[in-house]
Protein backbone atom coordinates (compact mmCIF):
# COMPACT_ATOMS: atom_id res chain seq x y z
CA MET A 1 0.00 0.00 0.00
CA LYS A 2 2.78 2.40 0.99
CA ARG A 3 4.67 1.63 -2.25
CA THR A 4 1.52 2.29 -4.30
CA LEU A 5 0.99 5.66 -2.62
CA ILE A 6 4.60 6.68 -3.23
CA ALA A 7 4.38 5.63 -6.89
CA ALA A 8 1.09 7.51 -7.32
CA ALA A 9 2.57 10.64 -5.73
CA PHE A 10 5.62 10.43 -7.99
CA ALA A 11 3.49 9.93 -11.11
CA ALA A 12 1.32 12.89 -10.17
CA ALA A 13 4.42 15.08 -9.79
CA LEU A 14 5.83 14.21 -13.22
CA PRO A 15 3.64 16.62 -15.24
CA ALA A 16 4.71 19.49 -12.96
CA PHE A 17 8.36 18.77 -13.68
CA SER A 18 7.88 18.55 -17.44
CA ALA A 19 5.65 21.64 -17.48
CA ALA A 20 8.36 23.75 -15.85
CA HIS A 21 9.86 24.31 -19.30
CA GLU A 22 13.21 25.55 -18.00
CA TYR A 23 16.75 24.62 -18.96
CA LYS A 24 19.95 25.24 -17.02
CA VAL A 25 23.62 25.12 -17.96
CA ASP A 26 26.41 26.58 -15.81
CA ASN A 27 25.03 29.85 -14.40
CA LEU A 28 22.49 30.34 -17.18
CA GLU A 29 18.83 29.41 -16.99
CA VAL A 30 16.58 29.49 -20.05
CA VAL A 31 12.93 29.96 -19.14
CA HIS A 32 9.78 29.20 -21.15
CA PRO A 33 10.88 29.09 -24.81
CA VAL A 34 7.74 29.82 -26.81
CA ALA A 35 6.78 30.51 -30.42
CA PHE A 36 3.40 31.87 -31.44
CA GLU A 37 1.07 30.20 -33.90
CA THR A 38 1.31 31.44 -37.49
CA ALA A 39 -1.18 31.69 -40.33
CA PRO A 40 -0.80 29.22 -43.23
CA SER A 41 0.55 31.88 -45.60
CA VAL A 42 3.20 33.23 -43.21
CA ARG A 43 6.76 32.07 -43.92
CA ALA A 44 8.41 33.24 -40.68
CA GLY A 45 7.72 32.99 -36.98
CA GLY A 46 9.22 34.37 -33.81
CA GLY A 47 10.68 32.65 -30.78
CA TYR A 48 10.73 34.15 -27.29
CA LEU A 49 12.26 33.22 -23.93
CA GLU A 50 14.10 34.57 -20.89
CA ILE A 51 17.74 33.98 -20.09
CA ILE A 52 18.77 34.40 -16.46
CA ASN A 53 22.47 34.74 -15.66
CA ASP A 54 23.02 33.96 -11.97
CA GLY A 55 26.79 34.03 -12.39
CA THR A 56 29.45 36.63 -11.78
CA GLU A 57 30.54 36.80 -15.43
CA ALA A 58 28.62 37.83 -18.52
CA ASP A 59 28.01 35.34 -21.31
CA THR A 60 26.88 35.98 -24.87
CA LEU A 61 24.23 34.29 -26.99
CA ILE A 62 26.02 33.93 -30.34
CA GLY A 63 23.61 31.77 -32.30
CA VAL A 64 20.49 29.65 -32.49
CA THR A 65 19.94 26.57 -34.61
CA ALA A 66 16.70 24.76 -35.42
CA ASP A 67 15.33 22.67 -38.27
CA PHE A 68 14.24 25.60 -40.45
CA PRO A 69 15.93 26.97 -43.58
CA LYS A 70 17.15 30.05 -41.71
CA VAL A 71 17.28 30.93 -38.01
CA MET A 72 18.56 34.29 -36.78
CA LEU A 73 18.58 36.57 -33.77
CA HIS A 74 16.70 39.79 -34.47
CA GLN A 75 15.84 42.99 -32.68
CA SER A 76 12.67 44.96 -33.33
CA VAL A 77 13.29 48.70 -33.24
CA GLU A 78 10.73 51.48 -33.49
CA LYS A 79 11.88 54.84 -34.80
CA ASP A 80 9.61 57.70 -35.77
CA GLY A 81 6.59 55.42 -35.48
CA VAL A 82 8.02 52.82 -37.89
CA ALA A 83 8.89 49.37 -36.58
CA THR A 84 11.75 47.52 -38.26
CA MET A 85 13.72 44.38 -37.52
CA ARG A 86 17.45 44.04 -37.72
CA HIS A 87 19.72 41.03 -37.48
CA VAL A 88 22.04 40.89 -34.47
CA ASP A 89 25.09 38.63 -34.33
CA ARG A 90 25.26 38.44 -30.56
CA LEU A 91 23.30 39.23 -27.45
CA GLU A 92 25.12 39.83 -24.17
CA ILE A 93 23.68 38.27 -21.04
CA PRO A 94 25.16 40.40 -18.21
CA ALA A 95 26.14 38.79 -14.91
CA GLY A 96 23.33 38.81 -12.38
CA LYS A 97 20.75 39.95 -14.95
CA THR A 98 17.80 38.59 -16.91
CA VAL A 99 17.50 39.20 -20.65
CA LYS A 100 14.07 38.78 -22.20
CA LEU A 101 13.54 37.88 -25.83
CA GLU A 102 10.00 39.15 -26.29
CA PRO A 103 7.66 40.65 -28.87
CA GLY A 104 8.76 44.16 -29.76
CA GLY A 105 12.37 43.52 -28.71
CA TYR A 106 14.98 40.83 -29.21
CA HIS A 107 13.67 37.54 -30.59
CA VAL A 108 14.58 34.47 -32.63
CA MET A 109 13.32 34.41 -36.23
CA PHE A 110 12.44 31.07 -37.81
CA MET A 111 12.38 31.74 -41.56
CA GLY A 112 11.34 29.63 -44.51
CA LEU A 113 8.36 27.94 -42.85
CA THR A 114 6.68 25.50 -45.19
CA GLU A 115 3.85 24.76 -42.75
CA PRO A 116 2.28 26.96 -40.09
CA LEU A 117 3.34 26.75 -36.48
CA GLU A 118 0.28 25.28 -34.78
CA VAL A 119 -0.80 25.62 -31.16
CA GLY A 120 0.40 22.65 -29.13
CA ALA A 121 3.30 21.80 -31.44
CA LYS A 122 6.84 21.60 -30.07
CA PHE A 123 10.17 21.79 -31.84
CA PRO A 124 13.79 21.52 -30.72
CA ALA A 125 16.38 24.26 -31.03
CA THR A 126 19.87 24.86 -29.74
CA LEU A 127 21.01 28.12 -28.17
CA ILE A 128 24.76 28.65 -28.55
CA PHE A 129 26.52 30.64 -25.85
CA GLU A 130 30.07 31.91 -26.08
CA LYS A 131 31.11 30.48 -22.68
CA ALA A 132 28.41 27.99 -21.66
CA GLY A 133 28.31 26.37 -25.11
CA PRO A 134 25.22 24.76 -26.68
CA VAL A 135 21.95 24.42 -24.77
CA GLU A 136 19.27 22.20 -26.26
CA ILE A 137 15.75 23.49 -25.64
CA ILE A 138 12.20 22.86 -26.84
CA PHE A 139 10.01 25.69 -28.12
CA GLN A 140 6.31 25.24 -27.40
CA VAL A 141 3.87 26.83 -29.84
CA GLU A 142 1.17 28.85 -28.11
CA ALA A 143 -1.79 30.94 -29.25
CA ARG A 144 -0.88 34.50 -30.07
CA GLY A 145 -2.12 36.85 -27.36
CA GLU A 146 -4.03 39.96 -28.28
CA ASP A 147 -1.50 42.21 -26.55
CA THR A 148 1.84 40.67 -27.57
CA GLY A 149 3.04 43.70 -29.51
CA GLU A 150 4.31 41.37 -32.22
CA HIS A 151 3.85 42.49 -35.78
CA SER A 152 3.32 40.31 -38.82
CA HIS A 153 6.48 39.12 -40.57
């Protein structure tokens, strides 16, 4: 009976662990990688996440890979009421700070989509840090919120 209760408690806890959706390497923690659903005609999508650096030294995100024709780090910039995106080669993650990749700011662009990103789908990607090295993560596709600030690509 005791063994059954322990097994049931452990099984019930498993979804909570897998739902955490966090990844850690060295002093870096990657939190909640998400991409938003796209329409069938859209050929690019955005990826968003938080990177927490609990260390005493900065690290730099120098690349992202995923199974799409082209994957790049971008920054959305608004100037004189016009929003544009520009490619960035690197993104510093200062020591003791959190950097958010979010709509309207830094983000990952997945280009050359041949099928839409659909709610509930998941896909692997690798973040490449200058010091910490590669970190394998899973992006979860979620419904686009009404107030995300993201513009159509």
